[in-house]
Amino acid sequence: MPTEIQRERTLAVRSFAFDRLSATAAVLDSTGVVVDTNEAWRTFARLNNGSDQSTGEGVNYLEVCDRAAASGAESAALVA
């Protein structure tokens, strides 16, 4: 059985690897709330006038997509 230190080390390695993915990635919970994002996601958001408050942790990304789709962003409906 892994020790607490081993579990923490494993989580740190996973976090490091997730943050270094070149593809934009976010982890959503079952209701669509963002629970984690990687650096590529955060960079993409900043370059597109987004912010952590509008696209980061705690935001319901499905609602963001729905609002964008209602504003005419066809790709947002596909993402949702």
PDB file of N, CA and C in Angstrom:
ATOM      1  N   MET A   1       0.848  -1.176   0.000  1.00  0.00           N
ATOM      2  CA  MET A   1       0.000   0.000   0.000  1.00  0.00           C
ATOM      3  C   MET A   1       0.899   1.246   0.000  1.00  0.00           C
ATOM      4  N   PRO A   2       0.613   2.208  -0.925  1.00  0.00           N
ATOM      5  CA  PRO A   2       1.472   3.392  -1.004  1.00  0.00           C
ATOM      6  C   PRO A   2       1.348   4.261   0.243  1.00  0.00           C
ATOM      7  N   THR A   3       2.453   4.874   0.585  1.00  0.00           N
ATOM      8  CA  THR A   3       2.456   5.792   1.726  1.00  0.00           C
ATOM      9  C   THR A   3       1.923   7.143   1.264  1.00  0.00           C
ATOM     10  N   GLU A   4       1.641   8.005   2.212  1.00  0.00           N
ATOM     11  CA  GLU A   4       1.164   9.355   1.894  1.00  0.00           C
ATOM     12  C   GLU A   4       2.187  10.108   1.054  1.00  0.00           C
ATOM     13  N   ILE A   5       3.447   9.951   1.362  1.00  0.00           N
ATOM     14  CA  ILE A   5       4.507  10.617   0.591  1.00  0.00           C
ATOM     15  C   ILE A   5       4.518  10.097  -0.843  1.00  0.00           C
ATOM     16  N   GLN A   6       4.360   8.797  -1.034  1.00  0.00           N
ATOM     17  CA  GLN A   6       4.325   8.231  -2.382  1.00  0.00           C
ATOM     18  C   GLN A   6       3.118   8.752  -3.167  1.00  0.00           C
ATOM     19  N   ARG A   7       1.958   8.847  -2.503  1.00  0.00           N
ATOM     20  CA  ARG A   7       0.756   9.366  -3.161  1.00  0.00           C
ATOM     21  C   ARG A   7       0.963  10.824  -3.564  1.00  0.00           C
ATOM     22  N   GLU A   8       1.545  11.616  -2.673  1.00  0.00           N
ATOM     23  CA  GLU A   8       1.800  13.028  -2.981  1.00  0.00           C
ATOM     24  C   GLU A   8       2.772  13.163  -4.150  1.00  0.00           C
ATOM     25  N   ARG A   9       3.783  12.330  -4.169  1.00  0.00           N
ATOM     26  CA  ARG A   9       4.760  12.356  -5.257  1.00  0.00           C
ATOM     27  C   ARG A   9       4.095  11.983  -6.586  1.00  0.00           C
ATOM     28  N   THR A  10       3.249  10.962  -6.566  1.00  0.00           N
ATOM     29  CA  THR A  10       2.529  10.551  -7.772  1.00  0.00           C
ATOM     30  C   THR A  10       1.634  11.671  -8.277  1.00  0.00           C
ATOM     31  N   LEU A  11       0.914  12.318  -7.371  1.00  0.00           N
ATOM     32  CA  LEU A  11       0.051  13.431  -7.773  1.00  0.00           C
ATOM     33  C   LEU A  11       0.866  14.588  -8.341  1.00  0.00           C
ATOM     34  N   ALA A  12       2.018  14.856  -7.774  1.00  0.00           N
ATOM     35  CA  ALA A  12       2.883  15.929  -8.270  1.00  0.00           C
ATOM     36  C   ALA A  12       3.367  15.623  -9.682  1.00  0.00           C
ATOM     37  N   VAL A  13       3.747  14.378  -9.934  1.00  0.00           N
ATOM     38  CA  VAL A  13       4.207  13.982 -11.269  1.00  0.00           C
ATOM     39  C   VAL A  13       3.067  14.112 -12.270  1.00  0.00           C
ATOM     40  N   ARG A  14       1.878  13.650 -11.903  1.00  0.00           N
ATOM     41  CA  ARG A  14       0.723  13.760 -12.799  1.00  0.00           C
ATOM     42  C   ARG A  14       0.405  15.219 -13.089  1.00  0.00           C
ATOM     43  N   SER A  15       0.428  16.048 -12.072  1.00  0.00           N
ATOM     44  CA  SER A  15       0.150  17.473 -12.245  1.00  0.00           C
ATOM     45  C   SER A  15       1.176  18.116 -13.171  1.00  0.00           C
ATOM     46  N   PHE A  16       2.448  17.786 -12.979  1.00  0.00           N
ATOM     47  CA  PHE A  16       3.523  18.312 -13.807  1.00  0.00           C
ATOM     48  C   PHE A  16       3.298  17.913 -15.265  1.00  0.00           C
ATOM     49  N   ALA A  17       2.986  16.648 -15.494  1.00  0.00           N
ATOM     50  CA  ALA A  17       2.778  16.143 -16.853  1.00  0.00           C
ATOM     51  C   ALA A  17       1.547  16.791 -17.488  1.00  0.00           C
ATOM     52  N   PHE A  18       0.457  16.908 -16.748  1.00  0.00           N
ATOM     53  CA  PHE A  18      -0.773  17.515 -17.245  1.00  0.00           C
ATOM     54  C   PHE A  18      -0.517  18.962 -17.656  1.00  0.00           C
ATOM     55  N   ASP A  19       0.216  19.687 -16.841  1.00  0.00           N
ATOM     56  CA  ASP A  19       0.470  21.099 -17.110  1.00  0.00           C
ATOM     57  C   ASP A  19       1.358  21.292 -18.333  1.00  0.00           C
ATOM     58  N   ARG A  20       2.126  20.279 -18.706  1.00  0.00           N
ATOM     59  CA  ARG A  20       3.042  20.404 -19.842  1.00  0.00           C
ATOM     60  C   ARG A  20       2.509  19.851 -21.156  1.00  0.00           C
ATOM     61  N   LEU A  21       1.284  19.358 -21.148  1.00  0.00           N
ATOM     62  CA  LEU A  21       0.672  18.927 -22.401  1.00  0.00           C
ATOM     63  C   LEU A  21       0.596  20.120 -23.347  1.00  0.00           C
ATOM     64  N   SER A  22       0.888  19.904 -24.617  1.00  0.00           N
ATOM     65  CA  SER A  22       0.804  21.016 -25.562  1.00  0.00           C
ATOM     66  C   SER A  22      -0.644  21.295 -25.967  1.00  0.00           C
ATOM     67  N   ALA A  23      -1.506  20.309 -25.848  1.00  0.00           N
ATOM     68  CA  ALA A  23      -2.927  20.492 -26.156  1.00  0.00           C
ATOM     69  C   ALA A  23      -3.631  21.173 -24.987  1.00  0.00           C
ATOM     70  N   THR A  24      -4.623  22.006 -25.306  1.00  0.00           N
ATOM     71  CA  THR A  24      -5.414  22.613 -24.235  1.00  0.00           C
ATOM     72  C   THR A  24      -6.227  21.521 -23.562  1.00  0.00           C
ATOM     73  N   ALA A  25      -6.258  21.535 -22.240  1.00  0.00           N
ATOM     74  CA  ALA A  25      -6.984  20.505 -21.507  1.00  0.00           C
ATOM     75  C   ALA A  25      -7.572  21.072 -20.227  1.00  0.00           C
ATOM     76  N   ALA A  26      -8.781  20.635 -19.943  1.00  0.00           N
ATOM     77  CA  ALA A  26      -9.450  20.983 -18.694  1.00  0.00           C
ATOM     78  C   ALA A  26     -10.122  19.726 -18.173  1.00  0.00           C
ATOM     79  N   VAL A  27     -10.182  19.619 -16.882  1.00  0.00           N
ATOM     80  CA  VAL A  27     -10.886  18.516 -16.235  1.00  0.00           C
ATOM     81  C   VAL A  27     -12.179  19.097 -15.686  1.00  0.00           C
ATOM     82  N   LEU A  28     -13.302  18.489 -16.080  1.00  0.00           N
ATOM     83  CA  LEU A  28     -14.608  18.938 -15.617  1.00  0.00           C
ATOM     84  C   LEU A  28     -15.213  17.880 -14.703  1.00  0.00           C
ATOM     85  N   ASP A  29     -16.007  18.334 -13.740  1.00  0.00           N
ATOM     86  CA  ASP A  29     -16.722  17.352 -12.931  1.00  0.00           C
ATOM     87  C   ASP A  29     -17.988  16.933 -13.678  1.00  0.00           C
ATOM     88  N   SER A  30     -18.811  16.120 -13.071  1.00  0.00           N
ATOM     89  CA  SER A  30     -19.980  15.563 -13.750  1.00  0.00           C
ATOM     90  C   SER A  30     -21.036  16.610 -14.100  1.00  0.00           C
ATOM     91  N   THR A  31     -20.933  17.813 -13.518  1.00  0.00           N
ATOM     92  CA  THR A  31     -21.905  18.868 -13.826  1.00  0.00           C
ATOM     93  C   THR A  31     -21.349  19.904 -14.795  1.00  0.00           C
ATOM     94  N   GLY A  32     -20.094  19.733 -15.213  1.00  0.00           N
ATOM     95  CA  GLY A  32     -19.489  20.667 -16.156  1.00  0.00           C
ATOM     96  C   GLY A  32     -18.629  21.735 -15.526  1.00  0.00           C
ATOM     97  N   VAL A  33     -18.426  21.663 -14.219  1.00  0.00           N
ATOM     98  CA  VAL A  33     -17.601  22.649 -13.524  1.00  0.00           C
ATOM     99  C   VAL A  33     -16.126  22.294 -13.708  1.00  0.00           C
ATOM    100  N   VAL A  34     -15.333  23.304 -14.062  1.00  0.00           N
ATOM    101  CA  VAL A  34     -13.898  23.109 -14.258  1.00  0.00           C
ATOM    102  C   VAL A  34     -13.238  22.876 -12.908  1.00  0.00           C
ATOM    103  N   VAL A  35     -12.501  21.770 -12.797  1.00  0.00           N
ATOM    104  CA  VAL A  35     -11.786  21.476 -11.558  1.00  0.00           C
ATOM    105  C   VAL A  35     -10.275  21.615 -11.725  1.00  0.00           C
ATOM    106  N   ASP A  36      -9.806  21.618 -12.979  1.00  0.00           N
ATOM    107  CA  ASP A  36      -8.368  21.799 -13.225  1.00  0.00           C
ATOM    108  C   ASP A  36      -8.169  22.167 -14.689  1.00  0.00           C
ATOM    109  N   THR A  37      -7.133  22.946 -14.960  1.00  0.00           N
ATOM    110  CA  THR A  37      -6.763  23.295 -16.328  1.00  0.00           C
ATOM    111  C   THR A  37      -5.251  23.205 -16.446  1.00  0.00           C
ATOM    112  N   ASN A  38      -4.782  23.026 -17.677  1.00  0.00           N
ATOM    113  CA  ASN A  38      -3.334  23.007 -17.862  1.00  0.00           C
ATOM    114  C   ASN A  38      -2.863  24.363 -18.397  1.00  0.00           C
ATOM    115  N   GLU A  39      -1.553  24.536 -18.491  1.00  0.00           N
ATOM    116  CA  GLU A  39      -0.987  25.816 -18.917  1.00  0.00           C
ATOM    117  C   GLU A  39      -1.443  26.188 -20.322  1.00  0.00           C
ATOM    118  N   ALA A  40      -1.550  25.218 -21.232  1.00  0.00           N
ATOM    119  CA  ALA A  40      -1.997  25.511 -22.592  1.00  0.00           C
ATOM    120  C   ALA A  40      -3.417  26.086 -22.588  1.00  0.00           C
ATOM    121  N   TRP A  41      -4.280  25.549 -21.736  1.00  0.00           N
ATOM    122  CA  TRP A  41      -5.654  26.054 -21.610  1.00  0.00           C
ATOM    123  C   TRP A  41      -5.631  27.497 -21.117  1.00  0.00           C
ATOM    124  N   ARG A  42      -4.859  27.745 -20.064  1.00  0.00           N
ATOM    125  CA  ARG A  42      -4.802  29.096 -19.489  1.00  0.00           C
ATOM    126  C   ARG A  42      -4.223  30.099 -20.486  1.00  0.00           C
ATOM    127  N   THR A  43      -3.202  29.689 -21.237  1.00  0.00           N
ATOM    128  CA  THR A  43      -2.609  30.569 -22.246  1.00  0.00           C
ATOM    129  C   THR A  43      -3.616  30.858 -23.346  1.00  0.00           C
ATOM    130  N   PHE A  44      -4.297  29.837 -23.844  1.00  0.00           N
ATOM    131  CA  PHE A  44      -5.303  30.017 -24.888  1.00  0.00           C
ATOM    132  C   PHE A  44      -6.384  30.989 -24.406  1.00  0.00           C
ATOM    133  N   ALA A  45      -6.830  30.810 -23.171  1.00  0.00           N
ATOM    134  CA  ALA A  45      -7.868  31.696 -22.627  1.00  0.00           C
ATOM    135  C   ALA A  45      -7.388  33.141 -22.597  1.00  0.00           C
ATOM    136  N   ARG A  46      -6.172  33.362 -22.115  1.00  0.00           N
ATOM    137  CA  ARG A  46      -5.643  34.732 -22.053  1.00  0.00           C
ATOM    138  C   ARG A  46      -5.520  35.347 -23.439  1.00  0.00           C
ATOM    139  N   LEU A  47      -5.055  34.577 -24.406  1.00  0.00           N
ATOM    140  CA  LEU A  47      -4.879  35.078 -25.770  1.00  0.00           C
ATOM    141  C   LEU A  47      -6.222  35.390 -26.443  1.00  0.00           C
ATOM    142  N   ASN A  48      -7.298  34.842 -25.916  1.00  0.00           N
ATOM    143  CA  ASN A  48      -8.627  35.061 -26.475  1.00  0.00           C
ATOM    144  C   ASN A  48      -9.513  35.878 -25.538  1.00  0.00           C
ATOM    145  N   ASN A  49      -8.861  36.757 -24.786  1.00  0.00           N
ATOM    146  CA  ASN A  49      -9.548  37.668 -23.862  1.00  0.00           C
ATOM    147  C   ASN A  49     -10.321  36.956 -22.765  1.00  0.00           C
ATOM    148  N   GLY A  50      -9.943  35.742 -22.461  1.00  0.00           N
ATOM    149  CA  GLY A  50     -10.549  35.023 -21.353  1.00  0.00           C
ATOM    150  C   GLY A  50      -9.740  35.259 -20.091  1.00  0.00           C
ATOM    151  N   SER A  51     -10.262  34.836 -18.994  1.00  0.00           N
ATOM    152  CA  SER A  51      -9.557  34.971 -17.725  1.00  0.00           C
ATOM    153  C   SER A  51      -9.826  33.730 -16.890  1.00  0.00           C
ATOM    154  N   ASP A  52      -9.071  33.592 -15.812  1.00  0.00           N
ATOM    155  CA  ASP A  52      -9.312  32.460 -14.921  1.00  0.00           C
ATOM    156  C   ASP A  52     -10.722  32.533 -14.346  1.00  0.00           C
ATOM    157  N   GLN A  53     -11.221  33.746 -14.135  1.00  0.00           N
ATOM    158  CA  GLN A  53     -12.562  33.905 -13.577  1.00  0.00           C
ATOM    159  C   GLN A  53     -13.647  33.482 -14.558  1.00  0.00           C
ATOM    160  N   SER A  54     -13.354  33.541 -15.861  1.00  0.00           N
ATOM    161  CA  SER A  54     -14.382  33.179 -16.844  1.00  0.00           C
ATOM    162  C   SER A  54     -14.182  31.799 -17.461  1.00  0.00           C
ATOM    163  N   THR A  55     -12.983  31.225 -17.340  1.00  0.00           N
ATOM    164  CA  THR A  55     -12.731  29.924 -17.963  1.00  0.00           C
ATOM    165  C   THR A  55     -11.968  28.962 -17.063  1.00  0.00           C
ATOM    166  N   GLY A  56     -11.674  29.370 -15.847  1.00  0.00           N
ATOM    167  CA  GLY A  56     -10.841  28.565 -14.975  1.00  0.00           C
ATOM    168  C   GLY A  56     -11.616  27.761 -13.949  1.00  0.00           C
ATOM    169  N   GLU A  57     -10.909  27.319 -12.943  1.00  0.00           N
ATOM    170  CA  GLU A  57     -11.486  26.473 -11.904  1.00  0.00           C
ATOM    171  C   GLU A  57     -12.705  27.124 -11.268  1.00  0.00           C
ATOM    172  N   GLY A  58     -13.744  26.307 -11.088  1.00  0.00           N
ATOM    173  CA  GLY A  58     -14.976  26.767 -10.456  1.00  0.00           C
ATOM    174  C   GLY A  58     -16.028  27.259 -11.430  1.00  0.00           C
ATOM    175  N   VAL A  59     -15.652  27.447 -12.689  1.00  0.00           N
ATOM    176  CA  VAL A  59     -16.584  27.925 -13.711  1.00  0.00           C
ATOM    177  C   VAL A  59     -17.298  26.730 -14.333  1.00  0.00           C
ATOM    178  N   ASN A  60     -18.591  26.869 -14.589  1.00  0.00           N
ATOM    179  CA  ASN A  60     -19.306  25.800 -15.277  1.00  0.00           C
ATOM    180  C   ASN A  60     -19.073  25.991 -16.769  1.00  0.00           C
ATOM    181  N   TYR A  61     -18.213  25.158 -17.341  1.00  0.00           N
ATOM    182  CA  TYR A  61     -17.814  25.327 -18.733  1.00  0.00           C
ATOM    183  C   TYR A  61     -18.955  25.050 -19.704  1.00  0.00           C
ATOM    184  N   LEU A  62     -19.873  24.184 -19.334  1.00  0.00           N
ATOM    185  CA  LEU A  62     -21.025  23.926 -20.203  1.00  0.00           C
ATOM    186  C   LEU A  62     -21.881  25.176 -20.334  1.00  0.00           C
ATOM    187  N   GLU A  63     -22.013  25.941 -19.246  1.00  0.00           N
ATOM    188  CA  GLU A  63     -22.760  27.198 -19.308  1.00  0.00           C
ATOM    189  C   GLU A  63     -22.023  28.223 -20.171  1.00  0.00           C
ATOM    190  N   VAL A  64     -20.687  28.240 -20.080  1.00  0.00           N
ATOM    191  CA  VAL A  64     -19.889  29.134 -20.927  1.00  0.00           C
ATOM    192  C   VAL A  64     -20.141  28.802 -22.393  1.00  0.00           C
ATOM    193  N   CYS A  65     -20.125  27.511 -22.723  1.00  0.00           N
ATOM    194  CA  CYS A  65     -20.372  27.081 -24.107  1.00  0.00           C
ATOM    195  C   CYS A  65     -21.786  27.443 -24.546  1.00  0.00           C
ATOM    196  N   ASP A  66     -22.761  27.256 -23.671  1.00  0.00           N
ATOM    197  CA  ASP A  66     -24.144  27.588 -24.013  1.00  0.00           C
ATOM    198  C   ASP A  66     -24.296  29.081 -24.316  1.00  0.00           C
ATOM    199  N   ARG A  67     -23.662  29.931 -23.495  1.00  0.00           N
ATOM    200  CA  ARG A  67     -23.732  31.382 -23.737  1.00  0.00           C
ATOM    201  C   ARG A  67     -23.057  31.745 -25.058  1.00  0.00           C
ATOM    202  N   ALA A  68     -21.908  31.136 -25.324  1.00  0.00           N
ATOM    203  CA  ALA A  68     -21.200  31.410 -26.575  1.00  0.00           C
ATOM    204  C   ALA A  68     -22.022  30.940 -27.769  1.00  0.00           C
ATOM    205  N   ALA A  69     -22.644  29.786 -27.655  1.00  0.00           N
ATOM    206  CA  ALA A  69     -23.472  29.265 -28.748  1.00  0.00           C
ATOM    207  C   ALA A  69     -24.659  30.198 -28.997  1.00  0.00           C
ATOM    208  N   ALA A  70     -25.248  30.704 -27.926  1.00  0.00           N
ATOM    209  CA  ALA A  70     -26.379  31.625 -28.061  1.00  0.00           C
ATOM    210  C   ALA A  70     -25.957  32.932 -28.731  1.00  0.00           C
ATOM    211  N   SER A  71     -24.658  33.254 -28.631  1.00  0.00           N
ATOM    212  CA  SER A  71     -24.131  34.460 -29.264  1.00  0.00           C
ATOM    213  C   SER A  71     -23.662  34.198 -30.689  1.00  0.00           C
ATOM    214  N   GLY A  72     -23.877  32.987 -31.182  1.00  0.00           N
ATOM    215  CA  GLY A  72     -23.543  32.679 -32.560  1.00  0.00           C
ATOM    216  C   GLY A  72     -22.287  31.860 -32.772  1.00  0.00           C
ATOM    217  N   ALA A  73     -21.604  31.456 -31.718  1.00  0.00           N
ATOM    218  CA  ALA A  73     -20.392  30.642 -31.864  1.00  0.00           C
ATOM    219  C   ALA A  73     -20.791  29.176 -32.074  1.00  0.00           C
ATOM    220  N   GLU A  74     -20.858  28.774 -33.333  1.00  0.00           N
ATOM    221  CA  GLU A  74     -21.315  27.422 -33.665  1.00  0.00           C
ATOM    222  C   GLU A  74     -20.435  26.343 -33.038  1.00  0.00           C
ATOM    223  N   SER A  75     -19.145  26.577 -32.967  1.00  0.00           N
ATOM    224  CA  SER A  75     -18.249  25.561 -32.405  1.00  0.00           C
ATOM    225  C   SER A  75     -18.503  25.342 -30.918  1.00  0.00           C
ATOM    226  N   ALA A  76     -18.999  26.360 -30.223  1.00  0.00           N
ATOM    227  CA  ALA A  76     -19.273  26.214 -28.793  1.00  0.00           C
ATOM    228  C   ALA A  76     -20.353  25.179 -28.538  1.00  0.00           C
ATOM    229  N   ALA A  77     -21.349  25.130 -29.384  1.00  0.00           N
ATOM    230  CA  ALA A  77     -22.411  24.123 -29.228  1.00  0.00           C
ATOM    231  C   ALA A  77     -21.847  22.725 -29.422  1.00  0.00           C
ATOM    232  N   LEU A  78     -20.921  22.574 -30.361  1.00  0.00           N
ATOM    233  CA  LEU A  78     -20.299  21.268 -30.582  1.00  0.00           C
ATOM    234  C   LEU A  78     -19.456  20.851 -29.385  1.00  0.00           C
ATOM    235  N   VAL A  79     -18.753  21.813 -28.796  1.00  0.00           N
ATOM    236  CA  VAL A  79     -17.909  21.518 -27.636  1.00  0.00           C
ATOM    237  C   VAL A  79     -18.787  21.060 -26.469  1.00  0.00           C
ATOM    238  N   ALA A  80     -19.863  21.773 -26.237  1.00  0.00           N
ATOM    239  CA  ALA A  80     -20.767  21.415 -25.130  1.00  0.00           C
ATOM    240  C   ALA A  80     -21.349  20.041 -25.367  1.00  0.00           C
TER     241      ALA A  80
END
